[in-house]
Amino acid sequence: KQWYQRRVRAAQLFNTTWHEMHAKTSDFKKVVDVVREQLNYVFRSEKKISTLEEVKNTLKGVPFSKIQEQRLKSLEKESVPILQLREKLRPQLQGLVNKQRLTILEAGESFSTVSSNRRRPRTLFCRLSSNHKTLHYGYDIPVEGNTCPTIDELPDKLNVADIEDVVLWKDQKRQRERGLDSPLGFSIEYSHSTTGPENATKPLYFICQTNEVFQYWTDGLNVLQKKDASNAIAKEHLSMLLEMEIKIRQLDILDIEGLQMPEQAPPVPPMPDNFNFHNHYNFPPSPAVK
């Protein structure tokens, strides 16, 4: 009786998977392969299964979509073309992350800071100009609700070209002065071509309210210095964008009949013996073709 019930359950699973895959008669072997994977997933799992009812309930959690997702992940890890595609997409998506960081700097942020005279707490509001050439800032400027000061309301400015370094306080091994030891603090060291003599030899001090603001702003300042955003949140965002882009390009790839993903990239064909066809079809002249 149990053997009969198992056969019935396998047949029901086959029928369900057939409809989930929108299969045709020619897809019979594909459906069988998926059903085999579903059964293997259940019986090889760490969860101990002793009754047919448990088998039935466990199989409900292994639809075709989950098998397809596992196949795609396996394909991404093992397929050389997918790995090459990932590396090809990385610079473009890294540029997107970098651009987003600059957008955050343009919106502006309010920071705590320290007074250059008595080390008393103060606030500093800073934002980046739309042309990404100047940081505008001001001390103790009131911020009401979600309304941020405009660039015209910020009396001081610093040319991005004058920035020499961004110093993270948490990376300083030597004993830091009192007030400059926050793990969410950093300093902008700059030359003084656009600052008055009063601030000529002093860096700007920033203490962020949250770790997220700290990562966004230090990454944004690095981008202004022609570096990539590389903090933990930036890496997470880049990874997420890569996964999304790969999935979009692989959308339903396993449902296309007869399509097999190659393990190696196809070879580049050799150059033709001549380019006579270029003149034959009246292509416009090109300096690359001789």
C-alpha atoms as a PDB file:
ATOM      1  CA  LYS A   1       0.000   0.000   0.000  1.00  0.00           C
ATOM      2  CA  GLN A   2       2.761   2.440   0.857  1.00  0.00           C
ATOM      3  CA  TRP A   3       4.498   1.714  -2.442  1.00  0.00           C
ATOM      4  CA  TYR A   4       1.256   2.486  -4.278  1.00  0.00           C
ATOM      5  CA  GLN A   5       0.778   5.752  -2.339  1.00  0.00           C
ATOM      6  CA  ARG A   6       4.328   6.833  -3.171  1.00  0.00           C
ATOM      7  CA  ARG A   7       3.699   6.223  -6.860  1.00  0.00           C
ATOM      8  CA  VAL A   8       0.472   8.214  -6.664  1.00  0.00           C
ATOM      9  CA  ARG A   9       2.256  11.073  -4.912  1.00  0.00           C
ATOM     10  CA  ALA A  10       5.046  11.077  -7.522  1.00  0.00           C
ATOM     11  CA  ALA A  11       2.456  11.158 -10.313  1.00  0.00           C
ATOM     12  CA  GLN A  12       0.671  14.095  -8.656  1.00  0.00           C
ATOM     13  CA  LEU A  13       3.989  15.926  -8.316  1.00  0.00           C
ATOM     14  CA  PHE A  14       4.755  15.273 -11.995  1.00  0.00           C
ATOM     15  CA  ASN A  15       1.358  16.684 -13.007  1.00  0.00           C
ATOM     16  CA  THR A  16       1.797  19.792 -10.834  1.00  0.00           C
ATOM     17  CA  THR A  17       5.318  20.449 -12.129  1.00  0.00           C
ATOM     18  CA  TRP A  18       4.162  19.922 -15.725  1.00  0.00           C
ATOM     19  CA  HIS A  19       1.634  22.747 -15.348  1.00  0.00           C
ATOM     20  CA  GLU A  20       4.100  25.016 -13.508  1.00  0.00           C
ATOM     21  CA  MET A  21       6.578  24.620 -16.368  1.00  0.00           C
ATOM     22  CA  HIS A  22       3.900  25.134 -19.052  1.00  0.00           C
ATOM     23  CA  ALA A  23       5.422  22.029 -20.616  1.00  0.00           C
ATOM     24  CA  LYS A  24       4.748  20.491 -23.994  1.00  0.00           C
ATOM     25  CA  THR A  25       5.028  16.872 -25.112  1.00  0.00           C
ATOM     26  CA  SER A  26       8.628  17.460 -26.169  1.00  0.00           C
ATOM     27  CA  ASP A  27       9.444  18.652 -22.621  1.00  0.00           C
ATOM     28  CA  PHE A  28       8.662  15.291 -21.023  1.00  0.00           C
ATOM     29  CA  LYS A  29      12.303  14.530 -20.141  1.00  0.00           C
ATOM     30  CA  LYS A  30      12.807  18.022 -18.721  1.00  0.00           C
ATOM     31  CA  VAL A  31       9.830  17.589 -16.382  1.00  0.00           C
ATOM     32  CA  VAL A  32      11.087  14.179 -15.282  1.00  0.00           C
ATOM     33  CA  ASP A  33      14.485  15.711 -14.461  1.00  0.00           C
ATOM     34  CA  VAL A  34      12.863  18.450 -12.392  1.00  0.00           C
ATOM     35  CA  VAL A  35      10.680  15.965 -10.499  1.00  0.00           C
ATOM     36  CA  ARG A  36      13.781  13.872  -9.771  1.00  0.00           C
ATOM     37  CA  GLU A  37      15.501  16.973  -8.348  1.00  0.00           C
ATOM     38  CA  GLN A  38      12.448  17.771  -6.226  1.00  0.00           C
ATOM     39  CA  LEU A  39      12.374  14.254  -4.767  1.00  0.00           C
ATOM     40  CA  ASN A  40      16.128  14.247  -4.166  1.00  0.00           C
ATOM     41  CA  TYR A  41      15.835  17.607  -2.423  1.00  0.00           C
ATOM     42  CA  VAL A  42      13.237  16.168  -0.033  1.00  0.00           C
ATOM     43  CA  PHE A  43      14.859  12.822   0.759  1.00  0.00           C
ATOM     44  CA  ARG A  44      18.393  14.194   1.017  1.00  0.00           C
ATOM     45  CA  SER A  45      17.483  17.073   3.315  1.00  0.00           C
ATOM     46  CA  GLU A  46      18.613  17.148   6.936  1.00  0.00           C
ATOM     47  CA  LYS A  47      15.005  16.979   8.099  1.00  0.00           C
ATOM     48  CA  LYS A  48      14.033  13.421   8.930  1.00  0.00           C
ATOM     49  CA  ILE A  49      10.925  12.297   7.002  1.00  0.00           C
ATOM     50  CA  SER A  50       9.120   9.180   8.157  1.00  0.00           C
ATOM     51  CA  THR A  51       5.546   9.431   6.831  1.00  0.00           C
ATOM     52  CA  LEU A  52       3.906  10.050   3.472  1.00  0.00           C
ATOM     53  CA  GLU A  53       2.113  13.064   4.928  1.00  0.00           C
ATOM     54  CA  GLU A  54       5.475  14.649   5.757  1.00  0.00           C
ATOM     55  CA  VAL A  55       6.647  13.926   2.210  1.00  0.00           C
ATOM     56  CA  LYS A  56       3.542  15.615   0.842  1.00  0.00           C
ATOM     57  CA  ASN A  57       3.956  18.710   3.030  1.00  0.00           C
ATOM     58  CA  THR A  58       7.693  19.013   2.290  1.00  0.00           C
ATOM     59  CA  LEU A  59       7.179  18.763  -1.483  1.00  0.00           C
ATOM     60  CA  LYS A  60       4.823  21.747  -1.313  1.00  0.00           C
ATOM     61  CA  GLY A  61       7.852  23.821  -0.341  1.00  0.00           C
ATOM     62  CA  VAL A  62       9.851  22.700  -3.382  1.00  0.00           C
ATOM     63  CA  PRO A  63       7.973  24.061  -6.435  1.00  0.00           C
ATOM     64  CA  PHE A  64       9.526  24.293  -9.889  1.00  0.00           C
ATOM     65  CA  SER A  65      10.419  27.953  -9.257  1.00  0.00           C
ATOM     66  CA  LYS A  66      12.715  26.932  -6.404  1.00  0.00           C
ATOM     67  CA  ILE A  67      14.438  24.266  -8.510  1.00  0.00           C
ATOM     68  CA  GLN A  68      14.853  26.831 -11.282  1.00  0.00           C
ATOM     69  CA  GLU A  69      16.372  29.321  -8.831  1.00  0.00           C
ATOM     70  CA  GLN A  70      18.865  26.703  -7.619  1.00  0.00           C
ATOM     71  CA  ARG A  71      19.801  25.882 -11.202  1.00  0.00           C
ATOM     72  CA  LEU A  72      20.419  29.544 -11.987  1.00  0.00           C
ATOM     73  CA  LYS A  73      22.625  29.946  -8.918  1.00  0.00           C
ATOM     74  CA  SER A  74      24.595  26.864  -9.898  1.00  0.00           C
ATOM     75  CA  LEU A  75      24.879  28.195 -13.435  1.00  0.00           C
ATOM     76  CA  GLU A  76      26.190  31.551 -12.184  1.00  0.00           C
ATOM     77  CA  LYS A  77      28.889  29.899 -10.077  1.00  0.00           C
ATOM     78  CA  GLU A  78      30.084  27.354 -12.646  1.00  0.00           C
ATOM     79  CA  SER A  79      29.498  28.857 -16.079  1.00  0.00           C
ATOM     80  CA  VAL A  80      32.478  30.745 -17.499  1.00  0.00           C
ATOM     81  CA  PRO A  81      30.274  32.978 -19.742  1.00  0.00           C
ATOM     82  CA  ILE A  82      28.220  34.049 -16.716  1.00  0.00           C
ATOM     83  CA  LEU A  83      31.387  34.856 -14.765  1.00  0.00           C
ATOM     84  CA  GLN A  84      32.667  36.861 -17.736  1.00  0.00           C
ATOM     85  CA  LEU A  85      29.337  38.693 -17.996  1.00  0.00           C
ATOM     86  CA  ARG A  86      29.515  39.524 -14.298  1.00  0.00           C
ATOM     87  CA  GLU A  87      32.973  41.068 -14.711  1.00  0.00           C
ATOM     88  CA  LYS A  88      31.823  42.976 -17.793  1.00  0.00           C
ATOM     89  CA  LEU A  89      28.844  44.446 -15.930  1.00  0.00           C
ATOM     90  CA  ARG A  90      30.797  45.302 -12.780  1.00  0.00           C
ATOM     91  CA  PRO A  91      32.380  48.630 -13.951  1.00  0.00           C
ATOM     92  CA  GLN A  92      29.054  49.952 -15.241  1.00  0.00           C
ATOM     93  CA  LEU A  93      27.187  49.081 -12.045  1.00  0.00           C
ATOM     94  CA  GLN A  94      30.047  50.347  -9.871  1.00  0.00           C
ATOM     95  CA  GLY A  95      29.664  53.656 -11.701  1.00  0.00           C
ATOM     96  CA  LEU A  96      25.962  53.627 -10.823  1.00  0.00           C
ATOM     97  CA  VAL A  97      26.784  53.138  -7.121  1.00  0.00           C
ATOM     98  CA  ASN A  98      29.371  55.930  -7.311  1.00  0.00           C
ATOM     99  CA  LYS A  99      26.858  58.277  -8.934  1.00  0.00           C
ATOM    100  CA  GLN A 100      24.307  57.569  -6.216  1.00  0.00           C
ATOM    101  CA  ARG A 101      26.842  58.509  -3.542  1.00  0.00           C
ATOM    102  CA  LEU A 102      27.424  61.878  -5.209  1.00  0.00           C
ATOM    103  CA  THR A 103      23.658  62.436  -5.317  1.00  0.00           C
ATOM    104  CA  ILE A 104      23.579  61.955  -1.545  1.00  0.00           C
ATOM    105  CA  LEU A 105      26.347  64.543  -1.129  1.00  0.00           C
ATOM    106  CA  GLU A 106      24.375  66.971  -3.306  1.00  0.00           C
ATOM    107  CA  ALA A 107      21.348  66.607  -1.001  1.00  0.00           C
ATOM    108  CA  GLY A 108      23.478  67.648   1.987  1.00  0.00           C
ATOM    109  CA  GLU A 109      23.706  66.470   5.570  1.00  0.00           C
ATOM    110  CA  SER A 110      23.951  67.911   9.053  1.00  0.00           C
ATOM    111  CA  PHE A 111      26.916  66.766  11.164  1.00  0.00           C
ATOM    112  CA  SER A 112      28.227  67.302  14.631  1.00  0.00           C
ATOM    113  CA  THR A 113      31.670  68.829  14.717  1.00  0.00           C
ATOM    114  CA  VAL A 114      34.178  70.312  17.155  1.00  0.00           C
ATOM    115  CA  SER A 115      35.127  73.905  17.608  1.00  0.00           C
ATOM    116  CA  SER A 116      38.642  74.784  16.552  1.00  0.00           C
ATOM    117  CA  ASN A 117      38.945  76.972  19.638  1.00  0.00           C
ATOM    118  CA  ARG A 118      37.433  75.335  22.722  1.00  0.00           C
ATOM    119  CA  ARG A 119      36.438  71.915  21.419  1.00  0.00           C
ATOM    120  CA  ARG A 120      32.819  72.639  22.259  1.00  0.00           C
ATOM    121  CA  PRO A 121      30.090  70.771  20.325  1.00  0.00           C
ATOM    122  CA  ARG A 122      28.821  72.487  17.205  1.00  0.00           C
ATOM    123  CA  THR A 123      26.882  71.531  14.081  1.00  0.00           C
ATOM    124  CA  LEU A 124      28.037  71.730  10.494  1.00  0.00           C
ATOM    125  CA  PHE A 125      25.859  71.476   7.410  1.00  0.00           C
ATOM    126  CA  CYS A 126      27.588  70.493   4.184  1.00  0.00           C
ATOM    127  CA  ARG A 127      26.440  69.800   0.633  1.00  0.00           C
ATOM    128  CA  LEU A 128      28.063  69.297  -2.759  1.00  0.00           C
ATOM    129  CA  SER A 129      27.423  71.622  -5.695  1.00  0.00           C
ATOM    130  CA  SER A 130      25.602  70.190  -8.698  1.00  0.00           C
ATOM    131  CA  ASN A 131      28.759  70.382 -10.840  1.00  0.00           C
ATOM    132  CA  HIS A 132      30.656  68.363  -8.186  1.00  0.00           C
ATOM    133  CA  LYS A 133      33.411  70.979  -7.971  1.00  0.00           C
ATOM    134  CA  THR A 134      32.683  72.650  -4.632  1.00  0.00           C
ATOM    135  CA  LEU A 135      31.663  71.668  -1.107  1.00  0.00           C
ATOM    136  CA  HIS A 136      29.516  74.354   0.504  1.00  0.00           C
ATOM    137  CA  TYR A 137      29.205  74.372   4.304  1.00  0.00           C
ATOM    138  CA  GLY A 138      28.281  76.449   7.300  1.00  0.00           C
ATOM    139  CA  TYR A 139      28.397  76.154  11.093  1.00  0.00           C
ATOM    140  CA  ASP A 140      25.395  76.164  13.465  1.00  0.00           C
ATOM    141  CA  ILE A 141      22.846  76.681  10.710  1.00  0.00           C
ATOM    142  CA  PRO A 142      19.325  75.683  11.824  1.00  0.00           C
ATOM    143  CA  VAL A 143      17.674  72.873   9.857  1.00  0.00           C
ATOM    144  CA  GLU A 144      13.882  72.724  10.132  1.00  0.00           C
ATOM    145  CA  GLY A 145      12.239  69.377   9.412  1.00  0.00           C
ATOM    146  CA  ASN A 146      13.149  68.042   5.982  1.00  0.00           C
ATOM    147  CA  THR A 147      14.063  71.486   4.647  1.00  0.00           C
ATOM    148  CA  CYS A 148      17.804  71.799   4.040  1.00  0.00           C
ATOM    149  CA  PRO A 149      19.744  75.036   3.638  1.00  0.00           C
ATOM    150  CA  THR A 150      20.388  76.063   0.051  1.00  0.00           C
ATOM    151  CA  ILE A 151      23.900  76.552  -1.242  1.00  0.00           C
ATOM    152  CA  ASP A 152      23.372  80.339  -1.066  1.00  0.00           C
ATOM    153  CA  GLU A 153      22.666  80.017   2.675  1.00  0.00           C
ATOM    154  CA  LEU A 154      26.002  78.283   3.324  1.00  0.00           C
ATOM    155  CA  PRO A 155      28.690  80.943   3.784  1.00  0.00           C
ATOM    156  CA  ASP A 156      31.830  78.815   3.367  1.00  0.00           C
ATOM    157  CA  LYS A 157      33.091  76.710   0.492  1.00  0.00           C
ATOM    158  CA  LEU A 158      35.902  74.331  -0.350  1.00  0.00           C
ATOM    159  CA  ASN A 159      37.077  73.410  -3.816  1.00  0.00           C
ATOM    160  CA  VAL A 160      37.032  69.647  -4.375  1.00  0.00           C
ATOM    161  CA  ALA A 161      40.362  70.032  -6.187  1.00  0.00           C
ATOM    162  CA  ASP A 162      41.895  71.309  -2.937  1.00  0.00           C
ATOM    163  CA  ILE A 163      41.048  68.152  -0.956  1.00  0.00           C
ATOM    164  CA  GLU A 164      44.265  66.330  -0.106  1.00  0.00           C
ATOM    165  CA  ASP A 165      42.962  63.486   2.029  1.00  0.00           C
ATOM    166  CA  VAL A 166      39.968  62.104   3.912  1.00  0.00           C
ATOM    167  CA  VAL A 167      41.077  60.803   7.316  1.00  0.00           C
ATOM    168  CA  LEU A 168      38.899  58.280   9.146  1.00  0.00           C
ATOM    169  CA  TRP A 169      39.331  58.717  12.882  1.00  0.00           C
ATOM    170  CA  LYS A 170      38.775  55.015  13.571  1.00  0.00           C
ATOM    171  CA  ASP A 171      41.837  54.175  11.442  1.00  0.00           C
ATOM    172  CA  GLN A 172      44.185  56.398  13.418  1.00  0.00           C
ATOM    173  CA  LYS A 173      46.420  54.208  15.606  1.00  0.00           C
ATOM    174  CA  ARG A 174      48.033  57.004  17.525  1.00  0.00           C
ATOM    175  CA  GLN A 175      46.323  58.497  20.562  1.00  0.00           C
ATOM    176  CA  ARG A 176      43.694  60.916  19.285  1.00  0.00           C
ATOM    177  CA  GLU A 177      42.848  64.199  20.886  1.00  0.00           C
ATOM    178  CA  ARG A 178      39.744  64.290  23.017  1.00  0.00           C
ATOM    179  CA  GLY A 179      36.746  64.957  20.811  1.00  0.00           C
ATOM    180  CA  LEU A 180      38.363  63.362  17.748  1.00  0.00           C
ATOM    181  CA  ASP A 181      37.876  59.737  18.707  1.00  0.00           C
ATOM    182  CA  SER A 182      34.367  58.976  17.432  1.00  0.00           C
ATOM    183  CA  PRO A 183      34.195  55.838  15.215  1.00  0.00           C
ATOM    184  CA  LEU A 184      31.767  57.803  13.022  1.00  0.00           C
ATOM    185  CA  GLY A 185      34.102  60.762  12.630  1.00  0.00           C
ATOM    186  CA  PHE A 186      36.340  61.826   9.768  1.00  0.00           C
ATOM    187  CA  SER A 187      38.326  64.857   8.681  1.00  0.00           C
ATOM    188  CA  ILE A 188      38.864  66.508   5.312  1.00  0.00           C
ATOM    189  CA  GLU A 189      42.422  67.750   4.942  1.00  0.00           C
ATOM    190  CA  TYR A 190      42.779  70.429   2.290  1.00  0.00           C
ATOM    191  CA  SER A 191      45.015  73.088   0.842  1.00  0.00           C
ATOM    192  CA  HIS A 192      43.762  76.625   1.414  1.00  0.00           C
ATOM    193  CA  SER A 193      43.402  78.234  -1.998  1.00  0.00           C
ATOM    194  CA  THR A 194      39.679  78.942  -1.443  1.00  0.00           C
ATOM    195  CA  THR A 195      39.560  79.363   2.332  1.00  0.00           C
ATOM    196  CA  GLY A 196      40.283  82.373   4.455  1.00  0.00           C
ATOM    197  CA  PRO A 197      43.446  82.667   6.551  1.00  0.00           C
ATOM    198  CA  GLU A 198      41.462  81.823   9.680  1.00  0.00           C
ATOM    199  CA  ASN A 199      40.979  78.228   8.492  1.00  0.00           C
ATOM    200  CA  ALA A 200      44.123  77.969   6.385  1.00  0.00           C
ATOM    201  CA  THR A 201      45.850  75.227   8.353  1.00  0.00           C
ATOM    202  CA  LYS A 202      42.897  73.397   9.881  1.00  0.00           C
ATOM    203  CA  PRO A 203      40.924  70.450   8.504  1.00  0.00           C
ATOM    204  CA  LEU A 204      37.155  70.165   8.519  1.00  0.00           C
ATOM    205  CA  TYR A 205      35.804  67.834  11.212  1.00  0.00           C
ATOM    206  CA  PHE A 206      32.707  65.698  10.619  1.00  0.00           C
ATOM    207  CA  ILE A 207      30.908  63.452  13.131  1.00  0.00           C
ATOM    208  CA  CYS A 208      28.073  61.474  11.547  1.00  0.00           C
ATOM    209  CA  GLN A 209      24.822  60.661  13.310  1.00  0.00           C
ATOM    210  CA  THR A 210      24.615  57.101  11.915  1.00  0.00           C
ATOM    211  CA  ASN A 211      26.919  54.507  10.413  1.00  0.00           C
ATOM    212  CA  GLU A 212      24.926  54.692   7.173  1.00  0.00           C
ATOM    213  CA  VAL A 213      25.640  58.423   6.791  1.00  0.00           C
ATOM    214  CA  PHE A 214      29.307  57.762   7.621  1.00  0.00           C
ATOM    215  CA  GLN A 215      29.621  55.163   4.863  1.00  0.00           C
ATOM    216  CA  TYR A 216      27.706  57.215   2.294  1.00  0.00           C
ATOM    217  CA  TRP A 217      29.745  60.367   2.860  1.00  0.00           C
ATOM    218  CA  THR A 218      33.194  58.809   3.104  1.00  0.00           C
ATOM    219  CA  ASP A 219      32.430  56.832  -0.048  1.00  0.00           C
ATOM    220  CA  GLY A 220      31.148  59.967  -1.766  1.00  0.00           C
ATOM    221  CA  LEU A 221      34.298  61.899  -0.883  1.00  0.00           C
ATOM    222  CA  ASN A 222      36.395  59.025  -2.232  1.00  0.00           C
ATOM    223  CA  VAL A 223      34.417  59.142  -5.487  1.00  0.00           C
ATOM    224  CA  LEU A 224      35.229  62.860  -5.747  1.00  0.00           C
ATOM    225  CA  GLN A 225      38.890  61.827  -5.559  1.00  0.00           C
ATOM    226  CA  LYS A 226      38.463  59.427  -8.492  1.00  0.00           C
ATOM    227  CA  LYS A 227      38.141  56.321  -6.314  1.00  0.00           C
ATOM    228  CA  ASP A 228      35.326  53.784  -6.145  1.00  0.00           C
ATOM    229  CA  ALA A 229      32.783  53.547  -3.343  1.00  0.00           C
ATOM    230  CA  SER A 230      34.046  50.560  -1.352  1.00  0.00           C
ATOM    231  CA  ASN A 231      32.420  50.557   2.077  1.00  0.00           C
ATOM    232  CA  ALA A 232      30.310  47.603   3.215  1.00  0.00           C
ATOM    233  CA  ILE A 233      27.007  49.162   2.098  1.00  0.00           C
ATOM    234  CA  ALA A 234      28.468  49.998  -1.319  1.00  0.00           C
ATOM    235  CA  LYS A 235      29.648  46.404  -1.766  1.00  0.00           C
ATOM    236  CA  GLU A 236      26.203  45.162  -0.763  1.00  0.00           C
ATOM    237  CA  HIS A 237      24.513  47.479  -3.261  1.00  0.00           C
ATOM    238  CA  LEU A 238      26.919  46.460  -6.037  1.00  0.00           C
ATOM    239  CA  SER A 239      26.322  42.772  -5.320  1.00  0.00           C
ATOM    240  CA  MET A 240      22.550  43.297  -5.354  1.00  0.00           C
ATOM    241  CA  LEU A 241      22.683  45.154  -8.688  1.00  0.00           C
ATOM    242  CA  LEU A 242      24.855  42.434 -10.219  1.00  0.00           C
ATOM    243  CA  GLU A 243      22.474  39.700  -9.069  1.00  0.00           C
ATOM    244  CA  MET A 244      19.460  41.591 -10.435  1.00  0.00           C
ATOM    245  CA  GLU A 245      21.118  42.274 -13.787  1.00  0.00           C
ATOM    246  CA  ILE A 246      22.251  38.665 -14.185  1.00  0.00           C
ATOM    247  CA  LYS A 247      18.757  37.389 -13.347  1.00  0.00           C
ATOM    248  CA  ILE A 248      17.148  39.782 -15.833  1.00  0.00           C
ATOM    249  CA  ARG A 249      19.461  38.567 -18.587  1.00  0.00           C
ATOM    250  CA  GLN A 250      18.776  34.966 -17.641  1.00  0.00           C
ATOM    251  CA  LEU A 251      15.028  35.475 -17.349  1.00  0.00           C
ATOM    252  CA  ASP A 252      13.299  32.184 -18.201  1.00  0.00           C
ATOM    253  CA  ILE A 253      16.517  30.991 -19.857  1.00  0.00           C
ATOM    254  CA  LEU A 254      15.921  27.464 -18.607  1.00  0.00           C
ATOM    255  CA  ASP A 255      12.446  27.405 -20.168  1.00  0.00           C
ATOM    256  CA  ILE A 256      13.716  27.988 -23.709  1.00  0.00           C
ATOM    257  CA  GLU A 257      13.502  24.693 -25.502  1.00  0.00           C
ATOM    258  CA  GLY A 258      16.798  23.309 -26.691  1.00  0.00           C
ATOM    259  CA  LEU A 259      18.919  26.129 -25.228  1.00  0.00           C
ATOM    260  CA  GLN A 260      22.076  24.946 -23.508  1.00  0.00           C
ATOM    261  CA  MET A 261      24.346  27.360 -21.685  1.00  0.00           C
ATOM    262  CA  PRO A 262      27.929  26.672 -22.872  1.00  0.00           C
ATOM    263  CA  GLU A 263      30.604  26.003 -20.301  1.00  0.00           C
ATOM    264  CA  GLN A 264      33.156  27.993 -22.295  1.00  0.00           C
ATOM    265  CA  ALA A 265      32.776  31.131 -24.376  1.00  0.00           C
ATOM    266  CA  PRO A 266      32.592  30.422 -28.126  1.00  0.00           C
ATOM    267  CA  PRO A 267      35.849  30.991 -30.042  1.00  0.00           C
ATOM    268  CA  VAL A 268      36.355  34.273 -31.870  1.00  0.00           C
ATOM    269  CA  PRO A 269      36.274  33.627 -35.649  1.00  0.00           C
ATOM    270  CA  PRO A 270      39.427  34.456 -37.621  1.00  0.00           C
ATOM    271  CA  MET A 271      39.758  37.698 -39.550  1.00  0.00           C
ATOM    272  CA  PRO A 272      38.707  37.517 -43.220  1.00  0.00           C
ATOM    273  CA  ASP A 273      41.371  37.381 -45.924  1.00  0.00           C
ATOM    274  CA  ASN A 274      40.298  40.781 -47.226  1.00  0.00           C
ATOM    275  CA  PHE A 275      37.691  43.487 -46.767  1.00  0.00           C
ATOM    276  CA  ASN A 276      36.452  43.745 -50.353  1.00  0.00           C
ATOM    277  CA  PHE A 277      32.884  43.446 -49.145  1.00  0.00           C
ATOM    278  CA  HIS A 278      33.349  46.845 -47.506  1.00  0.00           C
ATOM    279  CA  ASN A 279      33.518  48.599 -50.861  1.00  0.00           C
ATOM    280  CA  HIS A 280      31.067  46.211 -52.515  1.00  0.00           C
ATOM    281  CA  TYR A 281      28.243  47.239 -50.146  1.00  0.00           C
ATOM    282  CA  ASN A 282      29.201  50.957 -50.177  1.00  0.00           C
ATOM    283  CA  PHE A 283      29.925  51.195 -46.466  1.00  0.00           C
ATOM    284  CA  PRO A 284      31.224  54.628 -45.391  1.00  0.00           C
ATOM    285  CA  PRO A 285      35.029  54.762 -45.232  1.00  0.00           C
ATOM    286  CA  SER A 286      36.549  53.795 -41.896  1.00  0.00           C
ATOM    287  CA  PRO A 287      40.120  54.499 -40.722  1.00  0.00           C
ATOM    288  CA  ALA A 288      40.136  51.038 -39.088  1.00  0.00           C
ATOM    289  CA  VAL A 289      39.789  49.294 -42.445  1.00  0.00           C
ATOM    290  CA  LYS A 290      42.775  49.446 -44.778  1.00  0.00           C
END
